[in-house]
Amino acid sequence: MGASVGPQKGGRGRYRPLAEINVTPFVDVMLVLLIVFMVTAPLLTAGVPVDLPKASAQNLPQDSKPLEIAVDQNGAIFIADTEIEFAQLVPRLSAIAGGRFDTRIYVRGDRRLDYGRVMSVIGAINAAGFTKVALVTDQP
């Protein structure tokens, strides 16, 4: 794509620029950004490795980004990727939610973990006043 600036017929030797947009640099930048996003997108979903149990339930509709709590096979509790103690769970959740007790909270519990440990985490969240707590599973 170029611009012709030679003399035009009937223009008595005047040069008149031809207005064309050169989109080659724009396409180059967009392709580089596409590659960067394709490489980094799978890295954004990584979190605490938890082996989820299988269930055939339907996915829940989402209206906003939920808080994720993970309980790994050793019983350690994580909010997002940050490990916390069980005693700090409710104060942290209250601070993150900002007093909104209708915040959706997803609990991901490892399938090899004792059922009582996951239920104690869910019980503490419910006792704090949060009403929208759900367990996350894998599709069979």
N, C-alpha and C. Protein backbone atom coordinates (compact mmCIF):
# COMPACT_ATOMS: atom_id res chain seq x y z
N MET A 1 0.85 -1.16 0.00
CA MET A 1 0.00 0.00 0.00
C MET A 1 0.90 1.23 0.00
N GLY A 2 0.69 2.05 -0.94
CA GLY A 2 1.51 3.24 -1.02
C GLY A 2 0.67 4.42 -1.42
N ALA A 3 1.31 5.54 -1.52
CA ALA A 3 0.63 6.77 -1.91
C ALA A 3 1.28 7.30 -3.17
N SER A 4 0.47 7.61 -4.13
CA SER A 4 0.98 8.16 -5.37
C SER A 4 0.98 9.68 -5.28
N VAL A 5 2.14 10.28 -5.50
CA VAL A 5 2.24 11.74 -5.40
C VAL A 5 2.74 12.35 -6.72
N GLY A 6 2.59 11.64 -7.82
CA GLY A 6 3.03 12.15 -9.11
C GLY A 6 2.06 13.20 -9.63
N PRO A 7 2.44 13.89 -10.71
CA PRO A 7 1.56 14.92 -11.25
C PRO A 7 0.28 14.29 -11.80
N GLN A 8 -0.84 14.91 -11.53
CA GLN A 8 -2.14 14.45 -11.98
C GLN A 8 -2.49 15.11 -13.31
N LYS A 9 -3.29 14.48 -14.11
CA LYS A 9 -3.71 15.06 -15.38
C LYS A 9 -4.56 16.29 -15.13
N GLY A 10 -4.29 17.32 -15.83
CA GLY A 10 -5.05 18.55 -15.71
C GLY A 10 -4.68 19.35 -14.48
N GLY A 11 -3.64 18.93 -13.77
CA GLY A 11 -3.27 19.63 -12.56
C GLY A 11 -2.14 20.61 -12.78
N ARG A 12 -1.67 20.81 -13.97
CA ARG A 12 -0.58 21.70 -14.36
C ARG A 12 0.65 21.50 -13.49
N GLY A 13 1.06 20.27 -13.30
CA GLY A 13 2.30 19.98 -12.60
C GLY A 13 2.19 19.98 -11.09
N ARG A 14 1.02 20.14 -10.54
CA ARG A 14 0.89 20.14 -9.09
C ARG A 14 0.87 18.69 -8.58
N TYR A 15 1.35 18.53 -7.38
CA TYR A 15 1.31 17.22 -6.74
C TYR A 15 0.14 17.19 -5.77
N ARG A 16 -0.65 16.13 -5.88
CA ARG A 16 -1.79 15.98 -5.00
C ARG A 16 -1.65 14.63 -4.28
N PRO A 17 -1.55 14.61 -2.93
CA PRO A 17 -1.38 13.33 -2.23
C PRO A 17 -2.65 12.49 -2.32
N LEU A 18 -2.44 11.19 -2.41
CA LEU A 18 -3.55 10.24 -2.43
C LEU A 18 -3.73 9.75 -1.00
N ALA A 19 -4.88 9.97 -0.43
CA ALA A 19 -5.13 9.65 0.98
C ALA A 19 -5.47 8.18 1.15
N GLU A 20 -4.52 7.38 1.58
CA GLU A 20 -4.73 5.98 1.92
C GLU A 20 -4.10 5.72 3.28
N ILE A 21 -4.76 4.91 4.08
CA ILE A 21 -4.23 4.58 5.40
C ILE A 21 -3.39 3.31 5.27
N ASN A 22 -2.20 3.36 5.81
CA ASN A 22 -1.32 2.19 5.81
C ASN A 22 -1.64 1.38 7.07
N VAL A 23 -2.29 0.23 6.90
CA VAL A 23 -2.71 -0.58 8.04
C VAL A 23 -1.72 -1.68 8.41
N THR A 24 -0.62 -1.78 7.70
CA THR A 24 0.35 -2.84 7.97
C THR A 24 0.90 -2.77 9.39
N PRO A 25 1.34 -1.60 9.90
CA PRO A 25 1.82 -1.57 11.29
C PRO A 25 0.73 -1.93 12.30
N PHE A 26 -0.49 -1.52 12.02
CA PHE A 26 -1.61 -1.85 12.91
C PHE A 26 -1.83 -3.36 12.97
N VAL A 27 -1.80 -4.02 11.84
CA VAL A 27 -1.99 -5.48 11.79
C VAL A 27 -0.84 -6.18 12.51
N ASP A 28 0.37 -5.69 12.35
CA ASP A 28 1.52 -6.29 13.05
C ASP A 28 1.35 -6.21 14.55
N VAL A 29 0.95 -5.05 15.05
CA VAL A 29 0.76 -4.88 16.49
C VAL A 29 -0.37 -5.78 17.00
N MET A 30 -1.46 -5.86 16.26
CA MET A 30 -2.59 -6.70 16.68
C MET A 30 -2.21 -8.18 16.71
N LEU A 31 -1.41 -8.64 15.76
CA LEU A 31 -0.99 -10.04 15.78
C LEU A 31 -0.08 -10.34 16.97
N VAL A 32 0.80 -9.42 17.30
CA VAL A 32 1.67 -9.60 18.46
C VAL A 32 0.83 -9.64 19.74
N LEU A 33 -0.14 -8.74 19.87
CA LEU A 33 -1.01 -8.75 21.05
C LEU A 33 -1.84 -10.03 21.13
N LEU A 34 -2.31 -10.51 20.00
CA LEU A 34 -3.06 -11.75 19.98
C LEU A 34 -2.22 -12.91 20.49
N ILE A 35 -0.99 -13.00 20.06
CA ILE A 35 -0.10 -14.07 20.50
C ILE A 35 0.18 -13.94 21.99
N VAL A 36 0.41 -12.72 22.48
CA VAL A 36 0.68 -12.52 23.90
C VAL A 36 -0.52 -12.96 24.73
N PHE A 37 -1.73 -12.59 24.31
CA PHE A 37 -2.91 -12.98 25.08
C PHE A 37 -3.17 -14.48 25.00
N MET A 38 -2.88 -15.09 23.87
CA MET A 38 -3.08 -16.54 23.75
C MET A 38 -2.11 -17.30 24.65
N VAL A 39 -0.92 -16.78 24.84
CA VAL A 39 0.06 -17.45 25.70
C VAL A 39 -0.26 -17.22 27.17
N THR A 40 -0.69 -16.01 27.54
CA THR A 40 -0.89 -15.70 28.96
C THR A 40 -2.27 -16.11 29.48
N ALA A 41 -3.27 -16.27 28.65
CA ALA A 41 -4.62 -16.60 29.13
C ALA A 41 -4.68 -17.90 29.92
N PRO A 42 -4.04 -18.99 29.50
CA PRO A 42 -4.10 -20.21 30.32
C PRO A 42 -3.40 -20.05 31.67
N LEU A 43 -2.44 -19.16 31.76
CA LEU A 43 -1.73 -18.96 33.02
C LEU A 43 -2.58 -18.23 34.05
N LEU A 44 -3.58 -17.47 33.61
CA LEU A 44 -4.41 -16.71 34.53
C LEU A 44 -5.39 -17.59 35.29
N THR A 45 -5.71 -18.75 34.78
CA THR A 45 -6.68 -19.62 35.44
C THR A 45 -6.03 -20.57 36.44
N ALA A 46 -4.72 -20.59 36.49
CA ALA A 46 -4.03 -21.50 37.41
C ALA A 46 -4.23 -21.02 38.84
N GLY A 47 -4.35 -21.93 39.74
CA GLY A 47 -4.53 -21.61 41.14
C GLY A 47 -3.93 -22.71 41.98
N VAL A 48 -4.56 -22.96 43.09
CA VAL A 48 -4.13 -24.03 43.97
C VAL A 48 -4.55 -25.35 43.34
N PRO A 49 -3.62 -26.29 43.17
CA PRO A 49 -4.00 -27.57 42.55
C PRO A 49 -4.87 -28.39 43.50
N VAL A 50 -6.12 -28.62 43.07
CA VAL A 50 -7.08 -29.37 43.86
C VAL A 50 -7.70 -30.41 42.95
N ASP A 51 -7.74 -31.66 43.39
CA ASP A 51 -8.35 -32.74 42.63
C ASP A 51 -9.83 -32.75 42.97
N LEU A 52 -10.68 -32.19 42.09
CA LEU A 52 -12.10 -32.03 42.37
C LEU A 52 -12.86 -33.33 42.15
N PRO A 53 -13.91 -33.55 42.95
CA PRO A 53 -14.76 -34.72 42.72
C PRO A 53 -15.65 -34.50 41.50
N LYS A 54 -16.21 -35.58 40.96
CA LYS A 54 -17.08 -35.51 39.79
C LYS A 54 -18.54 -35.39 40.22
N ALA A 55 -19.32 -34.59 39.49
CA ALA A 55 -20.76 -34.46 39.73
C ALA A 55 -21.43 -34.09 38.42
N SER A 56 -22.71 -34.44 38.30
CA SER A 56 -23.42 -34.17 37.05
C SER A 56 -24.39 -33.00 37.19
N ALA A 57 -24.12 -32.06 38.07
CA ALA A 57 -24.98 -30.90 38.25
C ALA A 57 -24.72 -29.87 37.16
N GLN A 58 -25.72 -29.02 36.90
CA GLN A 58 -25.59 -27.96 35.92
C GLN A 58 -24.76 -26.81 36.49
N ASN A 59 -24.11 -26.04 35.60
CA ASN A 59 -23.35 -24.87 36.03
C ASN A 59 -24.30 -23.78 36.51
N LEU A 60 -23.85 -23.01 37.51
CA LEU A 60 -24.66 -21.93 38.04
C LEU A 60 -24.50 -20.68 37.19
N PRO A 61 -25.57 -19.91 36.97
CA PRO A 61 -25.43 -18.65 36.24
C PRO A 61 -24.65 -17.66 37.09
N GLN A 62 -23.79 -16.87 36.45
CA GLN A 62 -22.94 -15.94 37.19
C GLN A 62 -23.29 -14.51 36.83
N ASP A 63 -23.50 -13.68 37.85
CA ASP A 63 -23.75 -12.28 37.62
C ASP A 63 -22.55 -11.41 37.97
N SER A 64 -21.66 -11.92 38.80
CA SER A 64 -20.42 -11.21 39.13
C SER A 64 -19.35 -12.24 39.46
N LYS A 65 -18.11 -11.79 39.55
CA LYS A 65 -17.01 -12.71 39.82
C LYS A 65 -17.08 -13.18 41.27
N PRO A 66 -17.15 -14.49 41.49
CA PRO A 66 -17.26 -15.01 42.85
C PRO A 66 -15.91 -15.06 43.56
N LEU A 67 -15.96 -15.15 44.87
CA LEU A 67 -14.75 -15.40 45.66
C LEU A 67 -14.51 -16.91 45.63
N GLU A 68 -13.25 -17.30 45.49
CA GLU A 68 -12.93 -18.72 45.46
C GLU A 68 -12.11 -19.10 46.68
N ILE A 69 -12.57 -20.13 47.37
CA ILE A 69 -11.86 -20.68 48.51
C ILE A 69 -11.50 -22.11 48.15
N ALA A 70 -10.24 -22.47 48.33
CA ALA A 70 -9.78 -23.82 48.02
C ALA A 70 -9.26 -24.47 49.29
N VAL A 71 -9.58 -25.76 49.44
CA VAL A 71 -9.05 -26.56 50.54
C VAL A 71 -8.29 -27.71 49.88
N ASP A 72 -6.96 -27.72 50.06
CA ASP A 72 -6.16 -28.74 49.37
C ASP A 72 -6.19 -30.06 50.14
N GLN A 73 -5.47 -31.06 49.63
CA GLN A 73 -5.54 -32.41 50.22
C GLN A 73 -4.97 -32.47 51.62
N ASN A 74 -4.17 -31.48 52.03
CA ASN A 74 -3.62 -31.45 53.38
C ASN A 74 -4.52 -30.68 54.35
N GLY A 75 -5.60 -30.07 53.84
CA GLY A 75 -6.51 -29.31 54.69
C GLY A 75 -6.18 -27.84 54.78
N ALA A 76 -5.17 -27.38 54.04
CA ALA A 76 -4.82 -25.95 54.04
C ALA A 76 -5.88 -25.17 53.29
N ILE A 77 -6.22 -23.99 53.79
CA ILE A 77 -7.27 -23.16 53.21
C ILE A 77 -6.62 -22.00 52.45
N PHE A 78 -7.15 -21.74 51.24
CA PHE A 78 -6.63 -20.67 50.40
C PHE A 78 -7.79 -19.79 49.96
N ILE A 79 -7.59 -18.47 50.03
CA ILE A 79 -8.49 -17.53 49.37
C ILE A 79 -7.72 -17.03 48.17
N ALA A 80 -8.26 -17.30 46.98
CA ALA A 80 -7.54 -17.08 45.72
C ALA A 80 -6.29 -17.94 45.77
N ASP A 81 -5.10 -17.36 45.83
CA ASP A 81 -3.86 -18.13 45.91
C ASP A 81 -3.13 -17.92 47.23
N THR A 82 -3.77 -17.24 48.18
CA THR A 82 -3.14 -16.91 49.45
C THR A 82 -3.60 -17.88 50.54
N GLU A 83 -2.63 -18.55 51.16
CA GLU A 83 -2.97 -19.49 52.24
C GLU A 83 -3.28 -18.70 53.50
N ILE A 84 -4.35 -19.11 54.19
CA ILE A 84 -4.74 -18.46 55.44
C ILE A 84 -5.06 -19.53 56.48
N GLU A 85 -5.08 -19.11 57.71
CA GLU A 85 -5.46 -19.99 58.82
C GLU A 85 -6.99 -20.03 58.91
N PHE A 86 -7.52 -21.10 59.51
CA PHE A 86 -8.97 -21.24 59.65
C PHE A 86 -9.57 -20.10 60.47
N ALA A 87 -8.86 -19.64 61.48
CA ALA A 87 -9.36 -18.55 62.32
C ALA A 87 -9.44 -17.22 61.56
N GLN A 88 -8.65 -17.07 60.51
CA GLN A 88 -8.65 -15.82 59.73
C GLN A 88 -9.65 -15.84 58.59
N LEU A 89 -10.31 -16.96 58.36
CA LEU A 89 -11.17 -17.11 57.19
C LEU A 89 -12.33 -16.11 57.19
N VAL A 90 -13.10 -16.07 58.26
CA VAL A 90 -14.28 -15.20 58.30
C VAL A 90 -13.90 -13.71 58.28
N PRO A 91 -12.91 -13.26 59.08
CA PRO A 91 -12.55 -11.83 58.98
C PRO A 91 -12.04 -11.44 57.60
N ARG A 92 -11.27 -12.30 56.95
CA ARG A 92 -10.78 -12.00 55.59
C ARG A 92 -11.92 -11.91 54.60
N LEU A 93 -12.85 -12.88 54.67
CA LEU A 93 -13.99 -12.86 53.75
C LEU A 93 -14.85 -11.62 53.96
N SER A 94 -15.07 -11.25 55.21
CA SER A 94 -15.86 -10.05 55.49
C SER A 94 -15.17 -8.80 54.96
N ALA A 95 -13.84 -8.75 55.08
CA ALA A 95 -13.10 -7.59 54.58
C ALA A 95 -13.13 -7.53 53.06
N ILE A 96 -12.98 -8.69 52.41
CA ILE A 96 -12.99 -8.72 50.94
C ILE A 96 -14.37 -8.39 50.40
N ALA A 97 -15.42 -8.95 51.01
CA ALA A 97 -16.78 -8.74 50.53
C ALA A 97 -17.29 -7.35 50.86
N GLY A 98 -16.68 -6.67 51.80
CA GLY A 98 -17.09 -5.31 52.14
C GLY A 98 -18.48 -5.24 52.75
N GLY A 99 -18.84 -6.24 53.54
CA GLY A 99 -20.14 -6.22 54.20
C GLY A 99 -21.28 -6.72 53.33
N ARG A 100 -21.01 -7.11 52.11
CA ARG A 100 -22.07 -7.64 51.22
C ARG A 100 -22.16 -9.15 51.44
N PHE A 101 -23.18 -9.57 52.16
CA PHE A 101 -23.31 -10.98 52.49
C PHE A 101 -23.95 -11.79 51.37
N ASP A 102 -24.34 -11.14 50.27
CA ASP A 102 -24.88 -11.87 49.13
C ASP A 102 -23.81 -12.18 48.10
N THR A 103 -22.53 -11.97 48.46
CA THR A 103 -21.42 -12.28 47.57
C THR A 103 -21.36 -13.78 47.33
N ARG A 104 -21.21 -14.18 46.07
CA ARG A 104 -21.13 -15.60 45.74
C ARG A 104 -19.74 -16.13 46.11
N ILE A 105 -19.72 -17.25 46.83
CA ILE A 105 -18.47 -17.86 47.28
C ILE A 105 -18.43 -19.31 46.79
N TYR A 106 -17.37 -19.65 46.08
CA TYR A 106 -17.19 -21.03 45.60
C TYR A 106 -16.13 -21.71 46.46
N VAL A 107 -16.45 -22.89 46.96
CA VAL A 107 -15.53 -23.68 47.77
C VAL A 107 -15.09 -24.87 46.93
N ARG A 108 -13.78 -24.98 46.74
CA ARG A 108 -13.20 -26.11 46.00
C ARG A 108 -12.47 -26.99 47.00
N GLY A 109 -12.98 -28.19 47.23
CA GLY A 109 -12.37 -29.12 48.17
C GLY A 109 -11.79 -30.33 47.45
N ASP A 110 -10.59 -30.71 47.82
CA ASP A 110 -9.95 -31.88 47.21
C ASP A 110 -10.76 -33.12 47.55
N ARG A 111 -10.90 -34.04 46.59
CA ARG A 111 -11.73 -35.22 46.82
C ARG A 111 -11.11 -36.18 47.83
N ARG A 112 -9.81 -36.13 48.04
CA ARG A 112 -9.15 -37.02 49.01
C ARG A 112 -9.22 -36.46 50.43
N LEU A 113 -9.75 -35.25 50.56
CA LEU A 113 -9.83 -34.58 51.86
C LEU A 113 -11.02 -35.12 52.66
N ASP A 114 -10.88 -35.10 53.98
CA ASP A 114 -11.96 -35.51 54.86
C ASP A 114 -13.17 -34.59 54.66
N TYR A 115 -14.34 -35.17 54.54
CA TYR A 115 -15.58 -34.42 54.31
C TYR A 115 -15.82 -33.40 55.43
N GLY A 116 -15.45 -33.73 56.65
CA GLY A 116 -15.67 -32.84 57.78
C GLY A 116 -14.89 -31.55 57.67
N ARG A 117 -13.69 -31.59 57.09
CA ARG A 117 -12.88 -30.38 56.95
C ARG A 117 -13.55 -29.39 56.00
N VAL A 118 -14.06 -29.89 54.86
CA VAL A 118 -14.75 -29.02 53.91
C VAL A 118 -16.02 -28.47 54.54
N MET A 119 -16.76 -29.29 55.26
CA MET A 119 -18.00 -28.83 55.88
C MET A 119 -17.74 -27.84 57.00
N SER A 120 -16.61 -27.94 57.70
CA SER A 120 -16.30 -26.94 58.72
C SER A 120 -16.01 -25.59 58.08
N VAL A 121 -15.37 -25.59 56.90
CA VAL A 121 -15.12 -24.34 56.19
C VAL A 121 -16.45 -23.73 55.73
N ILE A 122 -17.32 -24.56 55.13
CA ILE A 122 -18.62 -24.06 54.68
C ILE A 122 -19.47 -23.59 55.86
N GLY A 123 -19.41 -24.33 56.96
CA GLY A 123 -20.16 -23.94 58.16
C GLY A 123 -19.70 -22.60 58.71
N ALA A 124 -18.40 -22.37 58.71
CA ALA A 124 -17.88 -21.09 59.21
C ALA A 124 -18.31 -19.94 58.30
N ILE A 125 -18.33 -20.20 56.99
CA ILE A 125 -18.76 -19.16 56.05
C ILE A 125 -20.24 -18.86 56.24
N ASN A 126 -21.07 -19.90 56.40
CA ASN A 126 -22.51 -19.69 56.62
C ASN A 126 -22.76 -19.01 57.96
N ALA A 127 -22.02 -19.39 59.00
CA ALA A 127 -22.20 -18.77 60.32
C ALA A 127 -21.85 -17.29 60.29
N ALA A 128 -20.96 -16.89 59.37
CA ALA A 128 -20.59 -15.48 59.26
C ALA A 128 -21.69 -14.66 58.58
N GLY A 129 -22.67 -15.33 57.97
CA GLY A 129 -23.79 -14.62 57.36
C GLY A 129 -23.81 -14.67 55.84
N PHE A 130 -22.83 -15.29 55.22
CA PHE A 130 -22.81 -15.40 53.76
C PHE A 130 -23.84 -16.45 53.34
N THR A 131 -24.67 -16.09 52.36
CA THR A 131 -25.79 -16.96 52.00
C THR A 131 -25.58 -17.71 50.69
N LYS A 132 -24.69 -17.24 49.83
CA LYS A 132 -24.51 -17.87 48.52
C LYS A 132 -23.17 -18.61 48.48
N VAL A 133 -23.18 -19.82 49.03
CA VAL A 133 -21.98 -20.65 49.09
C VAL A 133 -22.24 -21.90 48.24
N ALA A 134 -21.30 -22.23 47.35
CA ALA A 134 -21.48 -23.38 46.48
C ALA A 134 -20.20 -24.20 46.43
N LEU A 135 -20.35 -25.52 46.25
CA LEU A 135 -19.22 -26.41 46.07
C LEU A 135 -18.91 -26.53 44.59
N VAL A 136 -17.63 -26.58 44.24
CA VAL A 136 -17.20 -26.72 42.86
C VAL A 136 -16.80 -28.17 42.62
N THR A 137 -17.27 -28.73 41.50
CA THR A 137 -16.91 -30.10 41.13
C THR A 137 -16.49 -30.12 39.66
N ASP A 138 -15.92 -31.24 39.24
CA ASP A 138 -15.60 -31.45 37.83
C ASP A 138 -16.76 -32.20 37.19
N GLN A 139 -16.90 -32.03 35.88
CA GLN A 139 -17.90 -32.79 35.13
C GLN A 139 -17.42 -34.21 34.97
N PRO A 140 -18.30 -35.22 35.06
CA PRO A 140 -17.85 -36.60 34.91
C PRO A 140 -17.43 -36.92 33.50
